[in-house]
C-alpha cells in the first residue's frame, strides 16, 4: 500500500500523549496525529476526541523516515462540504448519528 501525501487510510489509535495520538496503519506502519491536526476547534485534551483502540480514517500530510504525519481533521473538512455544515460541528454530528444507528 502506498502512503503518499494526500492518501486517506484507516487505522487504529494505539497510544495517546499530551501532544497527539499514535495510529497503527496497514503494513505495520505508524502515524502521528498531532494535537493541532485532530479538530478544527481548540483541543485541550486529546482524550476528549480520541480513545485507544478507536478506528479512525486519517489523511497523510507528511512522510518522514520514522512516522507518517497524519490528520483526522482534513476528513471532517471534506465531510463538512458534503454535508453543508460548519467543520467544527461535523464530528459531533457523526458521533450522534452513529449512536442512534
N, C-alpha and C. Protein backbone atom coordinates (compact mmCIF):
# COMPACT_ATOMS: atom_id res chain seq x y z
N UNK A 1 0.85 -1.18 0.00
CA UNK A 1 0.00 0.00 0.00
C UNK A 1 0.88 1.24 0.00
N UNK A 2 0.53 2.20 -0.82
CA UNK A 2 1.29 3.45 -0.92
C UNK A 2 0.77 4.45 0.11
N UNK A 3 1.70 5.06 0.83
CA UNK A 3 1.34 6.05 1.85
C UNK A 3 1.84 7.43 1.43
N UNK A 4 1.47 7.87 0.25
CA UNK A 4 1.89 9.17 -0.22
C UNK A 4 1.08 10.29 0.40
N UNK A 5 1.63 11.48 0.35
CA UNK A 5 0.93 12.64 0.87
C UNK A 5 -0.42 12.76 0.16
N UNK A 6 -1.46 12.95 0.95
CA UNK A 6 -2.81 13.03 0.41
C UNK A 6 -3.58 11.73 0.50
N UNK A 7 -2.88 10.62 0.77
CA UNK A 7 -3.56 9.33 0.90
C UNK A 7 -4.48 9.33 2.11
N UNK A 8 -5.62 8.69 1.98
CA UNK A 8 -6.54 8.50 3.10
C UNK A 8 -6.49 7.03 3.48
N UNK A 9 -6.17 6.77 4.75
CA UNK A 9 -6.01 5.39 5.21
C UNK A 9 -6.78 5.18 6.51
N UNK A 10 -7.10 3.92 6.77
CA UNK A 10 -7.76 3.55 8.01
C UNK A 10 -6.72 2.97 8.96
N UNK A 11 -6.92 3.26 10.24
CA UNK A 11 -6.01 2.73 11.25
C UNK A 11 -6.69 2.68 12.60
N UNK A 12 -5.90 2.34 13.61
CA UNK A 12 -6.42 2.22 14.97
C UNK A 12 -5.52 3.00 15.91
N UNK A 13 -6.12 3.79 16.78
CA UNK A 13 -5.35 4.57 17.76
C UNK A 13 -4.65 3.60 18.70
N UNK A 14 -3.32 3.70 18.76
CA UNK A 14 -2.53 2.78 19.59
C UNK A 14 -1.96 3.44 20.84
N UNK A 15 -1.96 4.75 20.87
CA UNK A 15 -1.45 5.45 22.03
C UNK A 15 -1.83 6.92 22.00
N UNK A 16 -2.00 7.49 23.18
CA UNK A 16 -2.37 8.90 23.29
C UNK A 16 -1.37 9.60 24.20
N UNK A 17 -0.93 10.76 23.76
CA UNK A 17 0.00 11.57 24.54
C UNK A 17 -0.57 12.98 24.68
N UNK A 18 0.13 13.84 25.39
CA UNK A 18 -0.30 15.23 25.51
C UNK A 18 -0.23 15.96 24.18
N UNK A 19 0.64 15.50 23.27
CA UNK A 19 0.84 16.21 22.01
C UNK A 19 0.14 15.56 20.82
N UNK A 20 -0.59 14.48 21.03
CA UNK A 20 -1.30 13.86 19.92
C UNK A 20 -1.59 12.39 20.14
N UNK A 21 -1.82 11.68 19.05
CA UNK A 21 -2.16 10.26 19.12
C UNK A 21 -1.37 9.50 18.06
N UNK A 22 -0.92 8.31 18.45
CA UNK A 22 -0.26 7.42 17.50
C UNK A 22 -1.31 6.47 16.93
N UNK A 23 -1.21 6.24 15.63
CA UNK A 23 -2.18 5.40 14.93
C UNK A 23 -1.44 4.29 14.21
N UNK A 24 -1.87 3.05 14.47
CA UNK A 24 -1.34 1.90 13.74
C UNK A 24 -2.00 1.82 12.38
N UNK A 25 -1.20 1.69 11.35
CA UNK A 25 -1.69 1.69 9.97
C UNK A 25 -1.39 0.35 9.31
N UNK A 26 -1.94 0.10 8.14
CA UNK A 26 -1.64 -1.15 7.43
C UNK A 26 -0.13 -1.32 7.20
N UNK A 27 0.26 -2.58 7.02
CA UNK A 27 1.65 -2.96 6.73
C UNK A 27 2.59 -2.62 7.88
N UNK A 28 2.08 -2.55 9.10
CA UNK A 28 2.92 -2.30 10.27
C UNK A 28 3.43 -0.87 10.39
N UNK A 29 2.91 0.04 9.59
CA UNK A 29 3.33 1.44 9.65
C UNK A 29 2.66 2.12 10.83
N UNK A 30 3.24 3.22 11.26
CA UNK A 30 2.67 4.03 12.33
C UNK A 30 2.59 5.47 11.88
N UNK A 31 1.61 6.17 12.42
CA UNK A 31 1.45 7.58 12.12
C UNK A 31 1.18 8.35 13.39
N UNK A 32 1.45 9.63 13.33
CA UNK A 32 1.20 10.52 14.45
C UNK A 32 0.20 11.58 14.02
N UNK A 33 -0.90 11.68 14.77
CA UNK A 33 -1.84 12.77 14.58
C UNK A 33 -1.49 13.80 15.64
N UNK A 34 -0.87 14.91 15.25
CA UNK A 34 -0.51 15.96 16.20
C UNK A 34 -1.79 16.58 16.75
N UNK A 35 -1.74 17.04 17.97
CA UNK A 35 -2.92 17.63 18.63
C UNK A 35 -3.55 18.72 17.78
N UNK A 36 -2.75 19.46 17.04
CA UNK A 36 -3.28 20.54 16.20
C UNK A 36 -3.99 20.02 14.96
N UNK A 37 -3.87 18.73 14.67
CA UNK A 37 -4.49 18.14 13.48
C UNK A 37 -5.68 17.26 13.81
N UNK A 38 -6.14 17.29 15.06
CA UNK A 38 -7.26 16.43 15.48
C UNK A 38 -8.60 17.05 15.15
N UNK A 39 -8.74 18.34 15.34
CA UNK A 39 -10.03 19.00 15.11
C UNK A 39 -9.79 20.44 14.67
N UNK A 40 -10.82 21.05 14.08
CA UNK A 40 -10.71 22.45 13.69
C UNK A 40 -10.84 23.36 14.90
N UNK A 41 -11.52 22.91 15.93
CA UNK A 41 -11.63 23.68 17.16
C UNK A 41 -10.42 23.38 18.05
N UNK A 42 -10.22 24.20 19.09
CA UNK A 42 -9.10 24.03 20.00
C UNK A 42 -9.23 22.70 20.74
N UNK A 43 -8.13 21.95 20.79
CA UNK A 43 -8.11 20.68 21.50
C UNK A 43 -7.23 20.85 22.73
N UNK A 44 -7.84 20.78 23.90
CA UNK A 44 -7.10 20.88 25.15
C UNK A 44 -6.60 19.52 25.60
N UNK A 45 -7.44 18.49 25.42
CA UNK A 45 -7.11 17.14 25.86
C UNK A 45 -7.43 16.17 24.74
N UNK A 46 -6.42 15.50 24.25
CA UNK A 46 -6.59 14.55 23.14
C UNK A 46 -7.63 13.49 23.49
N UNK A 47 -7.68 13.08 24.75
CA UNK A 47 -8.59 12.02 25.18
C UNK A 47 -10.06 12.43 25.08
N UNK A 48 -10.34 13.71 24.91
CA UNK A 48 -11.72 14.15 24.71
C UNK A 48 -12.18 13.90 23.27
N UNK A 49 -11.22 13.60 22.38
CA UNK A 49 -11.54 13.42 20.96
C UNK A 49 -11.25 12.01 20.45
N UNK A 50 -10.23 11.37 21.01
CA UNK A 50 -9.81 10.05 20.54
C UNK A 50 -9.61 9.11 21.73
N UNK A 51 -9.83 7.82 21.50
CA UNK A 51 -9.63 6.80 22.52
C UNK A 51 -8.72 5.71 21.97
N UNK A 52 -7.91 5.09 22.84
CA UNK A 52 -7.08 3.96 22.40
C UNK A 52 -8.00 2.86 21.88
N UNK A 53 -7.61 2.27 20.76
CA UNK A 53 -8.40 1.22 20.14
C UNK A 53 -9.43 1.72 19.16
N UNK A 54 -9.64 3.02 19.12
CA UNK A 54 -10.64 3.61 18.21
C UNK A 54 -10.18 3.49 16.76
N UNK A 55 -11.08 3.08 15.89
CA UNK A 55 -10.80 3.02 14.46
C UNK A 55 -10.97 4.43 13.89
N UNK A 56 -10.01 4.87 13.10
CA UNK A 56 -10.07 6.22 12.52
C UNK A 56 -9.66 6.18 11.05
N UNK A 57 -10.15 7.14 10.30
CA UNK A 57 -9.69 7.39 8.94
C UNK A 57 -8.87 8.66 9.01
N UNK A 58 -7.69 8.63 8.44
CA UNK A 58 -6.80 9.78 8.51
C UNK A 58 -6.22 10.07 7.13
N UNK A 59 -5.73 11.28 6.97
CA UNK A 59 -5.12 11.70 5.71
C UNK A 59 -3.64 11.96 5.96
N UNK A 60 -2.79 11.41 5.10
CA UNK A 60 -1.34 11.60 5.22
C UNK A 60 -1.00 13.03 4.78
N UNK A 61 -0.34 13.78 5.67
CA UNK A 61 0.04 15.16 5.33
C UNK A 61 1.55 15.33 5.20
N UNK A 62 2.32 14.34 5.65
CA UNK A 62 3.77 14.39 5.51
C UNK A 62 4.32 12.99 5.76
N UNK A 63 5.42 12.66 5.10
CA UNK A 63 6.06 11.37 5.31
C UNK A 63 7.52 11.62 5.65
N UNK A 64 7.97 11.05 6.77
CA UNK A 64 9.40 11.14 7.10
C UNK A 64 9.93 9.74 7.36
N UNK A 65 11.17 9.63 7.81
CA UNK A 65 11.80 8.33 7.98
C UNK A 65 11.15 7.48 9.06
N UNK A 66 10.59 8.12 10.09
CA UNK A 66 10.08 7.36 11.23
C UNK A 66 8.57 7.21 11.22
N UNK A 67 7.86 8.30 11.02
CA UNK A 67 6.40 8.27 11.11
C UNK A 67 5.77 8.95 9.92
N UNK A 68 4.52 8.59 9.68
CA UNK A 68 3.70 9.35 8.76
C UNK A 68 3.00 10.41 9.60
N UNK A 69 3.04 11.64 9.18
CA UNK A 69 2.27 12.67 9.86
C UNK A 69 0.90 12.68 9.22
N UNK A 70 -0.11 12.47 10.05
CA UNK A 70 -1.45 12.30 9.54
C UNK A 70 -2.41 13.25 10.25
N UNK A 71 -3.54 13.48 9.64
CA UNK A 71 -4.51 14.41 10.22
C UNK A 71 -5.91 13.84 10.11
N UNK A 72 -6.63 13.92 11.20
CA UNK A 72 -8.01 13.49 11.20
C UNK A 72 -8.92 14.62 10.73
N UNK A 73 -8.56 15.86 11.02
CA UNK A 73 -9.46 16.97 10.75
C UNK A 73 -9.69 17.22 9.27
N UNK A 74 -8.77 16.84 8.39
CA UNK A 74 -8.98 17.05 6.96
C UNK A 74 -10.21 16.30 6.48
N UNK A 75 -10.42 15.11 7.01
CA UNK A 75 -11.59 14.34 6.60
C UNK A 75 -12.87 15.02 7.05
N UNK A 76 -12.85 15.63 8.22
CA UNK A 76 -14.02 16.36 8.68
C UNK A 76 -14.28 17.57 7.79
N UNK A 77 -13.24 18.19 7.30
CA UNK A 77 -13.41 19.31 6.38
C UNK A 77 -14.08 18.88 5.10
N UNK A 78 -13.67 17.73 4.57
CA UNK A 78 -14.29 17.22 3.36
C UNK A 78 -15.75 16.85 3.61
N UNK A 79 -16.03 16.26 4.77
CA UNK A 79 -17.41 15.92 5.11
C UNK A 79 -18.26 17.17 5.32
N UNK A 80 -17.66 18.22 5.89
CA UNK A 80 -18.40 19.46 6.12
C UNK A 80 -18.91 20.03 4.80
N UNK A 81 -18.10 19.96 3.77
CA UNK A 81 -18.51 20.44 2.46
C UNK A 81 -19.65 19.57 1.94
N UNK A 82 -19.50 18.26 2.05
CA UNK A 82 -20.53 17.34 1.55
C UNK A 82 -21.85 17.50 2.31
N UNK A 83 -21.76 17.75 3.63
CA UNK A 83 -22.96 17.87 4.46
C UNK A 83 -23.47 19.31 4.56
N UNK A 84 -22.70 20.24 4.00
CA UNK A 84 -23.04 21.66 4.04
C UNK A 84 -23.28 22.14 5.48
N UNK A 85 -22.26 21.89 6.33
CA UNK A 85 -22.33 22.33 7.72
C UNK A 85 -20.95 22.81 8.17
N UNK A 86 -20.88 23.57 9.26
CA UNK A 86 -19.58 24.06 9.75
C UNK A 86 -18.65 22.90 10.12
N UNK A 87 -17.37 23.06 9.82
CA UNK A 87 -16.39 21.99 10.07
C UNK A 87 -16.35 21.54 11.52
N UNK A 88 -16.47 22.49 12.45
CA UNK A 88 -16.34 22.12 13.87
C UNK A 88 -17.57 21.38 14.40
N UNK A 89 -18.65 21.27 13.62
CA UNK A 89 -19.84 20.55 14.05
C UNK A 89 -19.93 19.14 13.45
N UNK A 90 -19.09 18.82 12.49
CA UNK A 90 -19.19 17.56 11.77
C UNK A 90 -18.92 16.36 12.67
N UNK A 91 -17.88 16.41 13.49
CA UNK A 91 -17.54 15.25 14.32
C UNK A 91 -18.69 14.93 15.29
N UNK A 92 -19.28 15.95 15.90
CA UNK A 92 -20.41 15.73 16.80
C UNK A 92 -21.60 15.15 16.07
N UNK A 93 -21.85 15.64 14.87
CA UNK A 93 -22.95 15.14 14.06
C UNK A 93 -22.77 13.65 13.76
N UNK A 94 -21.55 13.29 13.35
CA UNK A 94 -21.27 11.89 13.01
C UNK A 94 -21.38 11.01 14.25
N UNK A 95 -20.82 11.48 15.37
CA UNK A 95 -20.89 10.71 16.61
C UNK A 95 -22.34 10.48 17.02
N UNK A 96 -23.15 11.52 16.98
CA UNK A 96 -24.57 11.40 17.33
C UNK A 96 -25.29 10.44 16.39
N UNK A 97 -25.00 10.56 15.09
CA UNK A 97 -25.62 9.69 14.11
C UNK A 97 -25.29 8.22 14.37
N UNK A 98 -24.01 7.93 14.65
CA UNK A 98 -23.59 6.56 14.88
C UNK A 98 -24.20 5.99 16.17
N UNK A 99 -24.38 6.82 17.17
CA UNK A 99 -25.01 6.35 18.41
C UNK A 99 -26.47 5.97 18.19
N UNK A 100 -27.14 6.68 17.29
CA UNK A 100 -28.55 6.43 17.03
C UNK A 100 -28.76 5.23 16.12
N UNK A 101 -27.75 4.91 15.31
CA UNK A 101 -27.94 3.83 14.31
C UNK A 101 -27.11 2.66 14.65
